[in-house]
Amino acid sequence: MKKIAVVVDTNSGITKEEADKLGIYLVPMPFIIGDDVLYEGVDLSQEEFYRLQSEDVKITTSQPNINSIVELWEDLLKKYDQVLHIPMSSALSQSCETAESFAQNYPNKVFVIDNKRISITTKASVMDALKLIKEGKDGKEIKDYLEKDGLESTIYLMVDTLKYLKRGGRVTPAAAAIGTILNIKPILTIQGGKLDKFAKVTNLKSAKKKMIEALRNDIETRFKTYVENGEFQIAIAHTTNQENAEIFKKELMEEFPNIPLTFVDPLALSIATHTGPKVLAVGGFHIVKD
């Protein structure tokens, strides 16, 4: 049985404290703010991020330093037989492709997993990886499984304001202006790593209803077998919206009493850069059964 290390970045929503508890290794994502490069969880907290964002400070995302990642791999390979590296989806960042190219220098040692996930669904993949390691699977087997299973997940998220989507070029200034006047709150979806439009609502109540309907449809169709086999879970993510997230948790547990709701986490800051505060999201994902 091989000794395998798991590396994931903070786009997963996993904190340093959680990583230490799980026995995994966390790569902090860099953000460019003014002339400074700050790292999530190191010198940029969730609170500081949203404070700067509320003050209209320009915030952009960046790739992790590949040299630092390679150094981490080499240090880990002194203690482990193999390394599983789980970055954010290649559909949202070049960091996965960059890591894959460097991993070629470590054949059968470093496995970069592009399973088209981010945030709470990536966190679920980390949990699956740890289960598969315990089952005695090697790095190649785990990579193949997670990449094949990656699309067996879904995320729906309500955006409270169009301001940050406009700033990132995801909606036009004219559409953002009209949407603001009409108090439109878009619901976006992440399927296969891409952030796409799903629906439009005008209040939180309607948003939660629409997201529950969408999740129910997924559960009754594409995920039906997983649910019946006890291989499906749901989770919540949010930005500066803990109170509503806890209320939403109770509502989801009432709607889907037979499906475990595993965690309520802050949304990855890489997504929050484009969505802003007061986001509420729900995700569902196939899991490796205990």
Protein backbone atom coordinates (compact mmCIF):
# COMPACT_ATOMS: atom_id res chain seq x y z
CA MET A 1 0.00 0.00 0.00
CA LYS A 2 1.54 3.28 -1.14
CA LYS A 3 1.90 6.31 1.11
CA ILE A 4 0.13 9.13 -0.72
CA ALA A 5 0.00 12.88 0.03
CA VAL A 6 -2.97 15.03 -1.01
CA VAL A 7 -2.40 18.63 -2.09
CA VAL A 8 -5.26 21.05 -2.77
CA ASP A 9 -5.51 24.83 -3.15
CA THR A 10 -7.70 27.23 -1.20
CA ASN A 11 -10.16 27.39 -4.11
CA SER A 12 -11.60 24.30 -2.43
CA GLY A 13 -12.77 26.42 0.50
CA ILE A 14 -10.67 24.24 2.81
CA THR A 15 -8.99 26.25 5.56
CA LYS A 16 -5.51 25.70 6.99
CA GLU A 17 -7.08 24.36 10.19
CA GLU A 18 -9.20 21.86 8.25
CA ALA A 19 -6.22 20.81 6.13
CA ASP A 20 -4.14 20.13 9.23
CA LYS A 21 -6.97 18.09 10.75
CA LEU A 22 -7.37 16.04 7.56
CA GLY A 23 -3.63 15.56 7.14
CA ILE A 24 -3.51 17.20 3.71
CA TYR A 25 -1.43 20.03 2.25
CA LEU A 26 -2.92 23.40 1.30
CA VAL A 27 -1.69 25.77 -1.41
CA PRO A 28 -2.82 29.38 -0.73
CA MET A 29 -4.16 31.17 -3.81
CA PRO A 30 -2.58 34.55 -4.65
CA PHE A 31 -4.55 37.74 -5.21
CA ILE A 32 -3.17 40.95 -6.71
CA ILE A 33 -4.38 43.99 -4.80
CA GLY A 34 -2.80 47.25 -5.89
CA ASP A 35 0.93 46.57 -6.12
CA ASP A 36 0.79 43.73 -3.61
CA VAL A 37 0.44 39.97 -4.00
CA LEU A 38 -1.46 38.56 -1.02
CA TYR A 39 -2.15 34.92 -0.24
CA GLU A 40 -5.49 33.60 0.95
CA GLY A 41 -5.35 32.37 4.52
CA VAL A 42 -1.79 33.69 4.96
CA ASP A 43 -1.95 37.48 4.70
CA LEU A 44 -5.44 37.82 3.21
CA SER A 45 -8.37 36.71 5.35
CA GLN A 46 -11.99 36.43 4.26
CA GLU A 47 -12.80 39.53 6.32
CA GLU A 48 -10.00 41.58 4.78
CA PHE A 49 -10.94 40.48 1.28
CA TYR A 50 -14.56 41.62 1.61
CA ARG A 51 -13.52 44.84 3.31
CA LEU A 52 -11.28 45.71 0.37
CA GLN A 53 -13.92 44.61 -2.11
CA SER A 54 -16.55 46.83 -0.44
CA GLU A 55 -14.16 49.76 -0.78
CA ASP A 56 -13.94 49.14 -4.56
CA VAL A 57 -10.27 48.22 -4.38
CA LYS A 58 -9.28 46.41 -7.58
CA ILE A 59 -8.78 42.71 -6.83
CA THR A 60 -7.57 40.21 -9.42
CA THR A 61 -6.75 36.53 -9.13
CA SER A 62 -3.50 34.89 -10.12
CA GLN A 63 -1.97 31.45 -10.48
CA PRO A 64 0.00 29.95 -7.61
CA ASN A 65 3.77 30.13 -8.05
CA ILE A 66 4.62 26.89 -9.84
CA ASN A 67 8.13 26.85 -8.38
CA SER A 68 6.68 26.81 -4.87
CA ILE A 69 4.34 23.98 -5.84
CA VAL A 70 7.18 21.92 -7.34
CA GLU A 71 9.24 22.51 -4.17
CA LEU A 72 6.28 21.24 -2.12
CA TRP A 73 6.02 18.13 -4.31
CA GLU A 74 9.73 17.40 -3.91
CA ASP A 75 9.58 17.84 -0.14
CA LEU A 76 6.55 15.54 0.06
CA LEU A 77 8.20 12.88 -2.10
CA LYS A 78 10.88 12.55 0.55
CA LYS A 79 8.16 11.24 2.90
CA TYR A 80 5.52 9.87 0.52
CA ASP A 81 5.54 7.49 -2.43
CA GLN A 82 3.13 9.60 -4.49
CA VAL A 83 1.45 13.02 -4.51
CA LEU A 84 -2.13 13.78 -5.59
CA HIS A 85 -2.47 17.44 -6.57
CA ILE A 86 -6.06 18.69 -6.91
CA PRO A 87 -6.17 22.26 -8.31
CA MET A 88 -9.20 24.29 -9.36
CA SER A 89 -10.91 23.33 -12.62
CA SER A 90 -8.93 23.89 -15.82
CA ALA A 91 -12.07 25.58 -17.16
CA LEU A 92 -11.54 28.44 -14.69
CA SER A 93 -7.76 28.77 -14.47
CA GLN A 94 -4.50 27.95 -16.25
CA SER A 95 -3.01 26.74 -12.95
CA CYS A 96 -4.16 23.17 -13.59
CA GLU A 97 -2.56 22.99 -17.04
CA THR A 98 0.66 24.51 -15.68
CA ALA A 99 0.81 21.95 -12.88
CA GLU A 100 0.09 19.11 -15.31
CA SER A 101 3.03 20.12 -17.52
CA PHE A 102 5.46 20.16 -14.58
CA ALA A 103 4.09 16.89 -13.17
CA GLN A 104 5.40 15.14 -16.31
CA ASN A 105 8.85 15.44 -14.71
CA TYR A 106 7.65 13.12 -11.92
CA PRO A 107 6.19 10.07 -13.72
CA ASN A 108 4.16 7.77 -11.49
CA LYS A 109 5.02 10.09 -8.59
CA VAL A 110 2.91 13.25 -9.00
CA PHE A 111 -0.65 13.06 -10.30
CA VAL A 112 -2.45 16.32 -11.14
CA ILE A 113 -6.21 15.79 -11.09
CA ASP A 114 -8.40 17.91 -13.33
CA ASN A 115 -11.88 16.84 -12.32
CA LYS A 116 -13.55 20.11 -13.40
CA ARG A 117 -14.55 21.13 -9.89
CA ILE A 118 -14.18 24.09 -7.53
CA SER A 119 -15.29 25.16 -4.05
CA ILE A 120 -17.50 22.69 -2.14
CA THR A 121 -17.39 20.09 -4.91
CA THR A 122 -13.56 20.10 -4.84
CA LYS A 123 -13.71 19.65 -1.08
CA ALA A 124 -15.88 16.58 -1.68
CA SER A 125 -13.23 15.27 -4.11
CA VAL A 126 -10.57 15.62 -1.41
CA MET A 127 -12.71 13.56 0.96
CA ASP A 128 -13.13 10.94 -1.76
CA ALA A 129 -9.37 10.87 -2.39
CA LEU A 130 -8.72 10.20 1.30
CA LYS A 131 -11.26 7.35 1.29
CA LEU A 132 -9.66 5.81 -1.80
CA ILE A 133 -6.20 6.03 -0.24
CA LYS A 134 -7.51 4.12 2.77
CA GLU A 135 -8.92 1.51 0.39
CA GLY A 136 -5.39 0.96 -0.93
CA LYS A 137 -5.78 2.61 -4.36
CA ASP A 138 -2.64 4.11 -5.88
CA GLY A 139 -2.21 7.56 -7.39
CA LYS A 140 -3.07 6.56 -10.97
CA GLU A 141 -6.24 4.75 -9.88
CA ILE A 142 -7.39 7.71 -7.80
CA LYS A 143 -6.65 10.21 -10.57
CA ASP A 144 -8.61 8.12 -13.09
CA TYR A 145 -11.56 7.77 -10.72
CA LEU A 146 -11.78 11.43 -9.71
CA GLU A 147 -11.45 12.70 -13.27
CA LYS A 148 -14.11 10.30 -14.51
CA ASP A 149 -16.40 11.21 -11.60
CA GLY A 150 -15.76 14.95 -11.63
CA LEU A 151 -18.78 15.91 -13.71
CA GLU A 152 -21.09 14.05 -11.33
CA SER A 153 -21.58 17.28 -9.42
CA THR A 154 -23.59 20.48 -9.62
CA ILE A 155 -23.61 23.98 -8.08
CA TYR A 156 -26.29 26.71 -8.16
CA LEU A 157 -25.57 30.14 -6.70
CA MET A 158 -27.53 33.33 -6.24
CA VAL A 159 -25.63 36.58 -6.81
CA ASP A 160 -26.89 39.54 -4.79
CA THR A 161 -25.53 42.26 -7.07
CA LEU A 162 -24.50 42.51 -10.73
CA LYS A 163 -21.68 44.92 -9.88
CA TYR A 164 -18.88 42.37 -9.80
CA LEU A 165 -20.12 40.33 -12.76
CA LYS A 166 -20.07 43.58 -14.76
CA ARG A 167 -16.55 44.35 -13.56
CA GLY A 168 -15.38 40.92 -14.70
CA GLY A 169 -17.04 41.31 -18.10
CA ARG A 170 -19.63 38.58 -17.51
CA VAL A 171 -22.52 41.01 -18.05
CA THR A 172 -22.58 44.21 -20.10
CA PRO A 173 -22.75 47.60 -18.35
CA ALA A 174 -26.19 48.19 -19.90
CA ALA A 175 -27.54 44.85 -18.68
CA ALA A 176 -26.08 45.49 -15.23
CA ALA A 177 -27.72 48.92 -15.05
CA ILE A 178 -31.13 47.54 -16.03
CA GLY A 179 -30.71 44.62 -13.66
CA THR A 180 -29.86 46.94 -10.78
CA ILE A 181 -32.93 49.09 -11.41
CA LEU A 182 -35.18 46.02 -11.56
CA ASN A 183 -33.43 44.47 -8.55
CA ILE A 184 -32.54 41.36 -10.56
CA LYS A 185 -30.52 38.71 -8.74
CA PRO A 186 -29.07 36.20 -11.20
CA ILE A 187 -28.72 32.54 -10.38
CA LEU A 188 -25.58 31.06 -11.88
CA THR A 189 -24.59 27.44 -12.23
CA ILE A 190 -21.27 25.62 -12.30
CA GLN A 191 -21.29 22.47 -14.42
CA GLY A 192 -17.91 21.16 -15.53
CA GLY A 193 -16.06 24.09 -14.04
CA LYS A 194 -17.70 26.84 -16.07
CA LEU A 195 -19.72 29.64 -14.47
CA ASP A 196 -22.88 30.10 -16.56
CA LYS A 197 -26.22 31.88 -16.33
CA PHE A 198 -29.13 29.77 -15.11
CA ALA A 199 -32.07 31.98 -14.09
CA LYS A 200 -33.12 35.44 -12.88
CA VAL A 201 -35.08 36.26 -9.72
CA THR A 202 -35.84 39.39 -7.72
CA ASN A 203 -35.51 38.24 -4.11
CA LEU A 204 -33.88 35.69 -1.84
CA LYS A 205 -37.05 33.65 -1.34
CA SER A 206 -37.48 33.16 -5.09
CA ALA A 207 -33.80 32.35 -5.47
CA LYS A 208 -33.91 29.59 -2.87
CA LYS A 209 -37.06 28.16 -4.43
CA LYS A 210 -35.45 28.13 -7.89
CA MET A 211 -32.24 26.52 -6.63
CA ILE A 212 -34.18 23.84 -4.73
CA GLU A 213 -36.20 23.09 -7.88
CA ALA A 214 -33.01 22.80 -9.93
CA LEU A 215 -31.35 20.54 -7.38
CA ARG A 216 -34.48 18.38 -7.10
CA ASN A 217 -34.51 17.94 -10.88
CA ASP A 218 -30.85 16.84 -10.81
CA ILE A 219 -31.56 14.44 -7.95
CA GLU A 220 -34.53 12.88 -9.74
CA THR A 221 -32.71 12.51 -13.07
CA ARG A 222 -28.93 12.46 -13.46
CA PHE A 223 -28.18 11.64 -9.81
CA LYS A 224 -31.11 9.32 -9.09
CA THR A 225 -29.07 6.11 -8.84
CA TYR A 226 -26.46 7.73 -6.59
CA VAL A 227 -29.18 8.96 -4.22
CA GLU A 228 -30.79 5.51 -4.10
CA ASN A 229 -27.41 3.93 -3.31
CA GLY A 230 -26.55 6.43 -0.56
CA GLU A 231 -23.74 7.88 -2.68
CA PHE A 232 -24.89 11.49 -2.92
CA GLN A 233 -24.49 14.49 -0.64
CA ILE A 234 -25.30 18.19 -0.69
CA ALA A 235 -23.54 21.22 0.79
CA ILE A 236 -23.92 24.98 1.04
CA ALA A 237 -21.49 27.78 0.23
CA HIS A 238 -21.91 31.50 0.80
CA THR A 239 -20.13 34.85 0.93
CA THR A 240 -20.71 36.96 4.07
CA ASN A 241 -24.11 35.30 4.39
CA GLN A 242 -23.82 32.89 7.32
CA GLU A 243 -27.25 33.59 8.81
CA ASN A 244 -29.12 32.97 5.55
CA ALA A 245 -26.89 29.95 4.88
CA GLU A 246 -27.97 28.36 8.17
CA ILE A 247 -31.63 29.05 7.38
CA PHE A 248 -31.14 27.57 3.90
CA LYS A 249 -29.54 24.51 5.50
CA LYS A 250 -32.68 23.83 7.54
CA GLU A 251 -34.87 24.28 4.45
CA LEU A 252 -32.76 21.90 2.39
CA MET A 253 -32.77 19.27 5.12
CA GLU A 254 -36.56 19.45 5.16
CA GLU A 255 -36.75 19.21 1.37
CA PHE A 256 -34.25 16.35 1.11
CA PRO A 257 -34.40 14.50 4.46
CA ASN A 258 -32.71 11.38 3.13
CA ILE A 259 -29.67 13.14 1.66
CA PRO A 260 -26.82 14.16 4.01
CA LEU A 261 -25.98 17.87 4.05
CA THR A 262 -22.32 17.71 4.94
CA PHE A 263 -21.03 21.26 5.33
CA VAL A 264 -21.76 24.99 5.14
CA ASP A 265 -18.62 26.78 3.94
CA PRO A 266 -17.51 30.21 2.79
CA LEU A 267 -17.30 30.32 -1.01
CA ALA A 268 -13.82 30.23 -2.53
CA LEU A 269 -12.49 33.79 -2.85
CA SER A 270 -11.54 33.13 -6.47
CA ILE A 271 -15.28 32.93 -7.24
CA ALA A 272 -16.18 35.71 -4.80
CA THR A 273 -13.93 38.03 -6.81
CA HIS A 274 -16.50 37.78 -9.62
CA THR A 275 -19.69 37.41 -7.59
CA GLY A 276 -19.24 39.74 -4.62
CA PRO A 277 -20.80 39.46 -1.14
CA LYS A 278 -24.09 37.92 0.03
CA VAL A 279 -23.94 34.98 -2.38
CA LEU A 280 -25.87 31.87 -1.41
CA ALA A 281 -25.12 28.58 -3.13
CA VAL A 282 -26.00 24.90 -2.97
CA GLY A 283 -24.02 22.05 -4.43
CA GLY A 284 -24.63 18.34 -4.90
CA PHE A 285 -22.10 15.62 -5.66
CA HIS A 286 -21.56 11.90 -6.02
CA ILE A 287 -19.32 10.50 -3.28
CA VAL A 288 -17.30 7.41 -2.53
CA LYS A 289 -19.45 5.54 -0.03
CA ASP A 290 -17.88 4.78 3.36
